[in-house]
Amino acid sequence: MANVKIEPSWHELLAGEFEKPYFDQLTAFVREQYMTHVVYPPAANIFRAFNCCPVDRLRVVIIGQDPYHNAGQANGLCFSVAAGTLFPPSLQNILKEVSDDTGAPYPATGELDRWAEQGVLMLNAVLTVQAHTPASHAGRGWEQFTDAVVRAVAQHKKHVVYMLWGSYAQRKAAAVNPAENCILTAPHPSPLSAYRGFFGCRHFSKANEYLISTGQQPIVW
């Protein structure tokens, strides 16, 4: 990942992680995978969630698991897909809830850069995946890195909204102080669980209510 760049404010915040032995091992593994397999997202987009959302702009954190593993989908932001790509089921359900909750029109594209550019960190726990093999890069060090990301945000930023869908995301944010931030939890938006409480959770309007109450600009979802 020597040629993969991360936005400067994140590089400063996470500098200690890049010096740790596990990150050297992770880098070697990821480099070898890109050389020998089809891996998503494109290498230039590995750190795109950070590059689209500098630290000083961050107001909301959404946590996913690993990137989409089919061709043309993953673009470096959790749940988002490249423009022109069919919406995966979880993304369909997210956008349905946005529309039902806020009245926003259902969008023509599943590319969620517009959220990231407003300060939404769209963070997968694992940042790469081998084609057609979900969770294939789990347990290689990405989880340790993204745990450090969440801890660093929690230590350096207050009044952040954490939107945690499913038990995996909720465990990921265990270090976040609920007294200093807004933690919103719901079942995962996948078709297997969306009807158990993701639909109707109203996280998008609740996030904006909290942001406004703490003197911040709401997100245009």
Protein backbone atom coordinates (compact mmCIF):
# COMPACT_ATOMS: atom_id res chain seq x y z
CA MET A 1 0.00 0.00 0.00
CA ALA A 2 3.04 2.24 -0.34
CA ASN A 3 1.41 4.20 -3.19
CA VAL A 4 -2.01 4.38 -1.52
CA LYS A 5 -2.40 7.79 0.10
CA ILE A 6 -4.56 8.80 3.04
CA GLU A 7 -5.79 12.34 3.60
CA PRO A 8 -3.26 14.39 5.68
CA SER A 9 -5.43 15.03 8.75
CA TRP A 10 -6.11 11.30 9.05
CA HIS A 11 -2.44 10.50 8.49
CA GLU A 12 -1.59 12.78 11.41
CA LEU A 13 -4.31 11.36 13.66
CA LEU A 14 -3.42 7.73 12.90
CA ALA A 15 0.35 8.09 12.49
CA GLY A 16 1.10 5.69 15.32
CA GLU A 17 -0.86 2.88 13.69
CA PHE A 18 1.17 3.01 10.49
CA GLU A 19 4.35 2.32 12.50
CA LYS A 20 3.09 -0.83 14.21
CA PRO A 21 4.22 -4.32 13.15
CA TYR A 22 0.69 -5.51 12.37
CA PHE A 23 0.30 -2.72 9.80
CA ASP A 24 3.49 -3.78 8.03
CA GLN A 25 2.11 -7.32 7.86
CA LEU A 26 -1.26 -6.06 6.65
CA THR A 27 0.41 -3.97 3.96
CA ALA A 28 2.41 -6.95 2.70
CA PHE A 29 -0.72 -9.13 2.61
CA VAL A 30 -2.83 -6.54 0.77
CA ARG A 31 -0.09 -5.81 -1.76
CA GLU A 32 0.28 -9.54 -2.51
CA GLN A 33 -3.48 -9.93 -2.88
CA TYR A 34 -3.75 -7.14 -5.42
CA MET A 35 -0.88 -8.66 -7.39
CA THR A 36 -2.30 -12.20 -7.47
CA HIS A 37 -6.11 -11.88 -7.24
CA VAL A 38 -8.95 -9.60 -8.22
CA VAL A 39 -9.52 -7.42 -5.15
CA TYR A 40 -12.06 -4.68 -4.42
CA PRO A 41 -12.23 -1.76 -4.19
CA PRO A 42 -9.66 -0.54 -6.74
CA ALA A 43 -6.42 0.02 -4.85
CA ALA A 44 -6.63 3.80 -5.20
CA ASN A 45 -9.93 3.71 -3.27
CA ILE A 46 -8.80 1.72 -0.23
CA PHE A 47 -8.69 4.85 1.95
CA ARG A 48 -11.37 6.75 0.06
CA ALA A 49 -13.68 6.97 3.10
CA PHE A 50 -10.99 9.06 4.79
CA ASN A 51 -10.04 11.05 1.71
CA CYS A 52 -13.66 12.15 1.19
CA CYS A 53 -14.13 13.17 4.84
CA PRO A 54 -11.24 15.02 6.53
CA VAL A 55 -11.14 14.87 10.33
CA ASP A 56 -12.22 18.48 10.86
CA ARG A 57 -15.34 17.94 8.74
CA LEU A 58 -16.44 14.67 10.38
CA ARG A 59 -19.85 14.79 12.08
CA VAL A 60 -21.35 11.33 11.51
CA VAL A 61 -19.85 7.82 11.50
CA ILE A 62 -21.54 4.89 9.72
CA ILE A 63 -19.85 1.48 10.14
CA GLY A 64 -20.09 -1.43 7.70
CA GLN A 65 -18.28 -4.79 7.59
CA ASP A 66 -16.33 -5.38 4.39
CA PRO A 67 -16.59 -4.05 0.82
CA TYR A 68 -18.99 -5.39 -1.77
CA HIS A 69 -17.29 -8.31 -3.51
CA ASN A 70 -18.84 -8.22 -6.98
CA ALA A 71 -17.41 -6.34 -9.96
CA GLY A 72 -18.08 -2.62 -10.21
CA GLN A 73 -19.69 -2.24 -6.80
CA ALA A 74 -17.22 -1.24 -4.05
CA ASN A 75 -15.95 2.33 -4.19
CA GLY A 76 -14.31 2.70 -0.78
CA LEU A 77 -17.33 3.98 1.16
CA CYS A 78 -19.37 1.49 3.18
CA PHE A 79 -22.75 0.65 1.64
CA SER A 80 -22.03 2.95 -1.34
CA VAL A 81 -21.64 1.71 -4.90
CA ALA A 82 -20.05 3.21 -7.97
CA ALA A 83 -22.31 5.32 -10.17
CA GLY A 84 -24.30 3.31 -12.67
CA THR A 85 -24.24 0.16 -10.51
CA LEU A 86 -27.40 -1.64 -9.43
CA PHE A 87 -28.23 -1.00 -5.78
CA PRO A 88 -27.45 -3.98 -3.50
CA PRO A 89 -30.34 -4.91 -1.19
CA SER A 90 -28.92 -3.29 1.95
CA LEU A 91 -28.38 -0.02 0.12
CA GLN A 92 -31.91 -0.17 -1.27
CA ASN A 93 -33.22 -0.49 2.28
CA ILE A 94 -31.04 2.35 3.56
CA LEU A 95 -32.27 4.69 0.85
CA LYS A 96 -35.88 3.62 1.41
CA GLU A 97 -35.53 4.53 5.08
CA VAL A 98 -33.94 7.88 4.18
CA SER A 99 -36.89 8.66 1.92
CA ASP A 100 -39.52 7.48 4.40
CA ASP A 101 -37.81 9.31 7.29
CA THR A 102 -36.87 12.63 5.71
CA GLY A 103 -39.00 12.89 2.58
CA ALA A 104 -35.89 13.03 0.42
CA PRO A 105 -36.49 11.67 -3.09
CA TYR A 106 -35.15 8.20 -3.80
CA PRO A 107 -31.83 8.91 -5.57
CA ALA A 108 -30.84 7.90 -9.07
CA THR A 109 -27.39 6.74 -7.95
CA GLY A 110 -26.11 4.67 -5.04
CA GLU A 111 -22.85 6.61 -4.95
CA LEU A 112 -22.88 8.22 -1.51
CA ASP A 113 -20.04 10.69 -1.98
CA ARG A 114 -22.56 13.44 -1.28
CA TRP A 115 -22.83 12.17 2.33
CA ALA A 116 -19.09 11.80 2.81
CA GLU A 117 -18.43 15.30 1.51
CA GLN A 118 -20.78 16.66 4.19
CA GLY A 119 -18.86 14.98 6.99
CA VAL A 120 -20.13 11.38 7.10
CA LEU A 121 -17.29 8.89 7.62
CA MET A 122 -18.50 5.76 5.85
CA LEU A 123 -16.14 3.22 7.36
CA ASN A 124 -15.96 -0.48 6.62
CA ALA A 125 -14.31 -2.55 9.36
CA VAL A 126 -12.31 -4.38 6.67
CA LEU A 127 -11.20 -2.20 3.77
CA THR A 128 -10.45 -4.81 1.06
CA VAL A 129 -11.96 -8.08 -0.15
CA GLN A 130 -11.15 -10.74 -2.75
CA ALA A 131 -13.65 -10.91 -5.61
CA HIS A 132 -16.71 -13.07 -4.91
CA THR A 133 -15.33 -14.13 -1.51
CA PRO A 134 -16.95 -12.20 1.35
CA ALA A 135 -14.85 -11.72 4.49
CA SER A 136 -11.78 -13.06 2.67
CA HIS A 137 -9.59 -10.31 4.13
CA ALA A 138 -11.02 -10.52 7.63
CA GLY A 139 -8.62 -11.31 10.44
CA ARG A 140 -5.59 -9.88 8.62
CA GLY A 141 -5.25 -6.63 10.54
CA TRP A 142 -7.87 -4.32 9.07
CA GLU A 143 -10.09 -4.74 12.12
CA GLN A 144 -7.27 -3.61 14.40
CA PHE A 145 -6.70 -0.58 12.22
CA THR A 146 -10.35 0.44 12.04
CA ASP A 147 -10.79 -0.13 15.80
CA ALA A 148 -7.98 2.41 16.18
CA VAL A 149 -9.83 4.78 13.84
CA VAL A 150 -12.98 4.64 15.98
CA ARG A 151 -10.96 5.09 19.20
CA ALA A 152 -9.10 8.07 17.73
CA VAL A 153 -12.33 9.74 16.63
CA ALA A 154 -13.88 9.10 20.06
CA GLN A 155 -10.84 10.61 21.82
CA HIS A 156 -10.49 13.67 19.61
CA LYS A 157 -14.03 14.59 18.60
CA LYS A 158 -17.22 15.13 20.61
CA HIS A 159 -20.81 15.56 19.48
CA VAL A 160 -20.43 12.99 16.71
CA VAL A 161 -23.40 10.87 15.58
CA TYR A 162 -22.65 7.14 15.36
CA MET A 163 -25.15 5.19 13.26
CA LEU A 164 -24.62 1.55 14.22
CA TRP A 165 -26.63 -1.01 12.30
CA GLY A 166 -26.36 -4.58 13.53
CA SER A 167 -24.44 -6.11 16.41
CA TYR A 168 -21.11 -6.04 14.57
CA ALA A 169 -21.16 -2.26 14.15
CA GLN A 170 -22.42 -1.80 17.70
CA ARG A 171 -19.48 -3.77 19.13
CA LYS A 172 -17.09 -1.81 16.93
CA ALA A 173 -18.04 1.43 18.67
CA ALA A 174 -17.81 0.12 22.23
CA ALA A 175 -15.19 2.77 23.09
CA VAL A 176 -17.50 5.69 22.22
CA ASN A 177 -18.77 7.72 25.18
CA PRO A 178 -22.57 8.04 24.86
CA ALA A 179 -22.57 11.07 27.16
CA GLU A 180 -20.48 13.06 24.69
CA ASN A 181 -21.93 11.78 21.42
CA CYS A 182 -25.14 10.50 19.85
CA ILE A 183 -25.23 6.72 19.44
CA LEU A 184 -28.07 5.41 17.27
CA THR A 185 -28.53 1.64 17.05
CA ALA A 186 -30.79 -0.52 14.91
CA PRO A 187 -30.78 -3.93 13.20
CA HIS A 188 -28.71 -4.24 10.04
CA PRO A 189 -30.43 -3.00 6.84
CA SER A 190 -29.96 -6.33 5.05
CA PRO A 191 -33.16 -8.03 3.85
CA LEU A 192 -32.71 -10.62 6.61
CA SER A 193 -33.09 -8.07 9.39
CA ALA A 194 -34.38 -4.73 8.07
CA TYR A 195 -37.96 -5.52 9.04
CA ARG A 196 -36.90 -6.20 12.64
CA GLY A 197 -36.40 -2.52 13.36
CA PHE A 198 -34.20 -0.86 10.77
CA PHE A 199 -37.27 0.32 8.89
CA GLY A 200 -38.78 3.04 11.01
CA CYS A 201 -35.63 3.70 13.05
CA ARG A 202 -35.59 7.32 11.78
CA HIS A 203 -31.85 7.55 12.27
CA PHE A 204 -31.41 10.16 9.56
CA SER A 205 -33.80 12.71 11.06
CA LYS A 206 -32.57 11.89 14.58
CA ALA A 207 -28.99 12.50 13.47
CA ASN A 208 -29.94 15.90 12.13
CA GLU A 209 -31.87 16.79 15.27
CA TYR A 210 -28.76 16.05 17.34
CA LEU A 211 -26.44 17.94 15.00
CA ILE A 212 -28.68 21.01 15.12
CA SER A 213 -28.93 20.76 18.93
CA THR A 214 -25.13 20.87 19.18
CA GLY A 215 -24.76 23.84 16.84
CA GLN A 216 -23.82 21.87 13.73
CA GLN A 217 -25.21 21.85 10.22
CA PRO A 218 -27.64 19.03 9.40
CA ILE A 219 -26.79 16.49 6.70
CA VAL A 220 -28.69 16.73 3.42
CA TRP A 221 -29.49 13.03 3.10
